[in-house]
């Protein structure tokens, strides 16, 4: 691991969003012609987006922690 960029989580999020099911959820949540469909799917889609963002942030923090720990080097007592 040489970078802090959370590429694994970003790639999984993009695949999930661009899959047929993900595109259908986004379309139903934000572009549906019926208000009932938008009202049902919008909170679900926003929750999914928030979870994906939290996973990306967690991966970035873990990668930063590991890189900082490796940069310090091993210490012996």
N, C-alpha and C. Protein backbone atom coordinates (compact mmCIF):
# COMPACT_ATOMS: atom_id res chain seq x y z
N UNK A 1 0.86 -1.18 0.00
CA UNK A 1 0.00 0.00 0.00
C UNK A 1 0.90 1.23 0.00
N UNK A 2 0.77 2.03 -1.05
CA UNK A 2 1.65 3.19 -1.17
C UNK A 2 0.89 4.50 -1.22
N UNK A 3 -0.41 4.47 -1.19
CA UNK A 3 -1.19 5.70 -1.30
C UNK A 3 -2.30 5.73 -0.26
N UNK A 4 -2.73 6.92 0.08
CA UNK A 4 -3.83 7.08 1.01
C UNK A 4 -5.19 7.07 0.32
N UNK A 5 -5.19 7.11 -1.00
CA UNK A 5 -6.42 7.18 -1.77
C UNK A 5 -7.24 5.91 -1.55
N UNK A 6 -8.51 6.05 -1.13
CA UNK A 6 -9.34 4.86 -0.87
C UNK A 6 -9.94 4.28 -2.15
N UNK A 7 -9.09 3.76 -3.01
CA UNK A 7 -9.54 3.34 -4.34
C UNK A 7 -10.43 2.11 -4.29
N UNK A 8 -10.29 1.25 -3.30
CA UNK A 8 -11.12 0.04 -3.24
C UNK A 8 -12.57 0.43 -2.97
N UNK A 9 -12.80 1.26 -1.97
CA UNK A 9 -14.16 1.68 -1.64
C UNK A 9 -14.78 2.52 -2.74
N UNK A 10 -14.00 3.38 -3.35
CA UNK A 10 -14.51 4.21 -4.44
C UNK A 10 -14.91 3.34 -5.63
N UNK A 11 -14.09 2.35 -5.95
CA UNK A 11 -14.40 1.46 -7.06
C UNK A 11 -15.66 0.65 -6.79
N UNK A 12 -15.80 0.12 -5.59
CA UNK A 12 -17.00 -0.64 -5.24
C UNK A 12 -18.23 0.26 -5.26
N UNK A 13 -18.11 1.48 -4.78
CA UNK A 13 -19.23 2.41 -4.80
C UNK A 13 -19.66 2.76 -6.22
N UNK A 14 -18.69 2.98 -7.09
CA UNK A 14 -19.01 3.28 -8.48
C UNK A 14 -19.68 2.10 -9.18
N UNK A 15 -19.16 0.91 -8.92
CA UNK A 15 -19.77 -0.27 -9.53
C UNK A 15 -21.20 -0.45 -9.03
N UNK A 16 -21.41 -0.25 -7.73
CA UNK A 16 -22.76 -0.40 -7.17
C UNK A 16 -23.70 0.67 -7.71
N UNK A 17 -23.22 1.88 -7.88
CA UNK A 17 -24.07 2.96 -8.36
C UNK A 17 -24.37 2.82 -9.85
N UNK A 18 -23.41 2.37 -10.62
CA UNK A 18 -23.59 2.27 -12.06
C UNK A 18 -24.18 0.94 -12.52
N UNK A 19 -24.40 0.03 -11.59
CA UNK A 19 -25.05 -1.24 -11.95
C UNK A 19 -26.52 -0.96 -12.29
N UNK A 20 -27.17 -1.89 -12.95
CA UNK A 20 -28.59 -1.66 -13.28
C UNK A 20 -29.47 -1.43 -12.04
N UNK A 21 -29.22 -2.15 -10.98
CA UNK A 21 -30.00 -1.94 -9.75
C UNK A 21 -29.73 -0.57 -9.14
N UNK A 22 -28.46 -0.17 -9.11
CA UNK A 22 -28.10 1.13 -8.56
C UNK A 22 -28.67 2.28 -9.38
N UNK A 23 -28.60 2.15 -10.69
CA UNK A 23 -29.19 3.18 -11.56
C UNK A 23 -30.69 3.27 -11.38
N UNK A 24 -31.33 2.12 -11.17
CA UNK A 24 -32.78 2.10 -10.96
C UNK A 24 -33.14 2.78 -9.64
N UNK A 25 -32.34 2.55 -8.60
CA UNK A 25 -32.60 3.20 -7.31
C UNK A 25 -32.43 4.71 -7.44
N UNK A 26 -31.37 5.16 -8.09
CA UNK A 26 -31.15 6.60 -8.27
C UNK A 26 -32.25 7.22 -9.10
N UNK A 27 -32.65 6.54 -10.16
CA UNK A 27 -33.72 7.06 -11.00
C UNK A 27 -35.04 7.14 -10.24
N UNK A 28 -35.34 6.11 -9.46
CA UNK A 28 -36.58 6.11 -8.68
C UNK A 28 -36.56 7.16 -7.58
N UNK A 29 -35.39 7.41 -7.01
CA UNK A 29 -35.30 8.34 -5.90
C UNK A 29 -35.34 9.80 -6.34
N UNK A 30 -34.78 10.12 -7.48
CA UNK A 30 -34.62 11.53 -7.83
C UNK A 30 -35.30 11.94 -9.14
N UNK A 31 -35.57 11.00 -10.04
CA UNK A 31 -36.10 11.38 -11.34
C UNK A 31 -37.45 10.75 -11.67
N UNK A 32 -38.09 10.13 -10.69
CA UNK A 32 -39.37 9.48 -10.94
C UNK A 32 -40.46 10.53 -11.15
N UNK A 33 -41.44 10.18 -11.97
CA UNK A 33 -42.53 11.10 -12.24
C UNK A 33 -43.55 11.15 -11.11
N UNK A 34 -43.58 10.12 -10.28
CA UNK A 34 -44.54 10.07 -9.19
C UNK A 34 -43.90 10.52 -7.89
N UNK A 35 -44.60 11.37 -7.16
CA UNK A 35 -44.08 11.88 -5.90
C UNK A 35 -43.97 10.76 -4.86
N UNK A 36 -44.89 9.80 -4.88
CA UNK A 36 -44.84 8.70 -3.92
C UNK A 36 -43.55 7.90 -4.07
N UNK A 37 -43.17 7.61 -5.29
CA UNK A 37 -41.93 6.87 -5.53
C UNK A 37 -40.72 7.66 -5.06
N UNK A 38 -40.69 8.95 -5.36
CA UNK A 38 -39.58 9.79 -4.90
C UNK A 38 -39.53 9.83 -3.38
N UNK A 39 -40.69 9.95 -2.73
CA UNK A 39 -40.72 10.03 -1.27
C UNK A 39 -40.30 8.73 -0.61
N UNK A 40 -40.52 7.62 -1.26
CA UNK A 40 -40.12 6.34 -0.69
C UNK A 40 -38.63 6.08 -0.92
N UNK A 41 -38.16 6.32 -2.14
CA UNK A 41 -36.79 5.95 -2.50
C UNK A 41 -35.73 6.98 -2.12
N UNK A 42 -36.10 8.24 -1.98
CA UNK A 42 -35.09 9.27 -1.68
C UNK A 42 -34.38 9.02 -0.35
N UNK A 43 -35.08 8.76 0.77
CA UNK A 43 -34.35 8.49 2.01
C UNK A 43 -33.50 7.22 1.94
N UNK A 44 -33.97 6.22 1.21
CA UNK A 44 -33.20 4.99 1.06
C UNK A 44 -31.92 5.27 0.30
N UNK A 45 -32.03 5.98 -0.80
CA UNK A 45 -30.85 6.30 -1.62
C UNK A 45 -29.87 7.18 -0.85
N UNK A 46 -30.37 8.17 -0.14
CA UNK A 46 -29.48 9.04 0.63
C UNK A 46 -28.78 8.28 1.75
N UNK A 47 -29.46 7.33 2.35
CA UNK A 47 -28.83 6.50 3.38
C UNK A 47 -27.73 5.64 2.78
N UNK A 48 -27.99 5.07 1.61
CA UNK A 48 -26.97 4.27 0.93
C UNK A 48 -25.76 5.13 0.59
N UNK A 49 -26.00 6.34 0.09
CA UNK A 49 -24.89 7.25 -0.23
C UNK A 49 -24.09 7.61 1.02
N UNK A 50 -24.78 7.83 2.14
CA UNK A 50 -24.09 8.16 3.39
C UNK A 50 -23.24 7.00 3.88
N UNK A 51 -23.75 5.79 3.76
CA UNK A 51 -22.98 4.61 4.17
C UNK A 51 -21.75 4.45 3.27
N UNK A 52 -21.92 4.65 1.96
CA UNK A 52 -20.78 4.56 1.05
C UNK A 52 -19.73 5.62 1.39
N UNK A 53 -20.17 6.83 1.70
CA UNK A 53 -19.23 7.90 2.07
C UNK A 53 -18.51 7.56 3.37
N UNK A 54 -19.22 6.98 4.32
CA UNK A 54 -18.59 6.60 5.60
C UNK A 54 -17.55 5.51 5.39
N UNK A 55 -17.84 4.56 4.51
CA UNK A 55 -16.87 3.49 4.23
C UNK A 55 -15.64 4.06 3.53
N UNK A 56 -15.84 4.98 2.61
CA UNK A 56 -14.70 5.62 1.93
C UNK A 56 -13.86 6.39 2.93
N UNK A 57 -14.50 7.13 3.82
CA UNK A 57 -13.76 7.88 4.85
C UNK A 57 -13.01 6.93 5.78
N UNK A 58 -13.64 5.84 6.18
CA UNK A 58 -12.98 4.87 7.06
C UNK A 58 -11.76 4.25 6.38
N UNK A 59 -11.90 3.91 5.10
CA UNK A 59 -10.74 3.35 4.39
C UNK A 59 -9.61 4.37 4.30
N UNK A 60 -9.96 5.62 4.05
CA UNK A 60 -8.93 6.66 3.96
C UNK A 60 -8.22 6.82 5.30
N UNK A 61 -8.98 6.83 6.40
CA UNK A 61 -8.37 6.97 7.73
C UNK A 61 -7.48 5.78 8.08
N UNK A 62 -7.93 4.58 7.74
CA UNK A 62 -7.13 3.38 8.01
C UNK A 62 -5.84 3.41 7.21
N UNK A 63 -5.94 3.79 5.93
CA UNK A 63 -4.75 3.86 5.10
C UNK A 63 -3.77 4.93 5.61
N UNK A 64 -4.29 6.07 6.03
CA UNK A 64 -3.43 7.13 6.57
C UNK A 64 -2.74 6.65 7.85
N UNK A 65 -3.46 5.96 8.70
CA UNK A 65 -2.89 5.45 9.94
C UNK A 65 -1.78 4.44 9.65
N UNK A 66 -2.04 3.52 8.72
CA UNK A 66 -1.03 2.51 8.40
C UNK A 66 0.21 3.15 7.78
N UNK A 67 0.02 4.10 6.87
CA UNK A 67 1.18 4.76 6.25
C UNK A 67 1.98 5.56 7.27
N UNK A 68 1.29 6.25 8.18
CA UNK A 68 2.01 6.99 9.22
C UNK A 68 2.76 6.06 10.15
N UNK A 69 2.18 4.91 10.44
CA UNK A 69 2.83 3.95 11.32
C UNK A 69 4.06 3.36 10.65
N UNK A 70 3.95 3.06 9.35
CA UNK A 70 5.11 2.55 8.61
C UNK A 70 6.20 3.60 8.48
N UNK A 71 5.82 4.86 8.36
CA UNK A 71 6.80 5.93 8.20
C UNK A 71 7.63 6.12 9.47
N UNK A 72 6.99 5.89 10.63
CA UNK A 72 7.72 6.01 11.89
C UNK A 72 8.75 4.91 12.06
N UNK A 73 8.47 3.74 11.48
CA UNK A 73 9.39 2.62 11.60
C UNK A 73 9.11 1.81 12.85
N UNK A 74 9.75 0.69 12.91
CA UNK A 74 9.55 -0.20 14.06
C UNK A 74 10.44 0.22 15.20
N UNK A 75 9.89 0.22 16.39
CA UNK A 75 10.66 0.55 17.58
C UNK A 75 10.67 -0.67 18.49
N UNK A 76 11.78 -0.87 19.15
CA UNK A 76 11.88 -1.97 20.10
C UNK A 76 12.06 -1.40 21.48
N UNK A 77 11.51 -2.09 22.44
CA UNK A 77 11.59 -1.61 23.83
C UNK A 77 12.81 -2.12 24.50
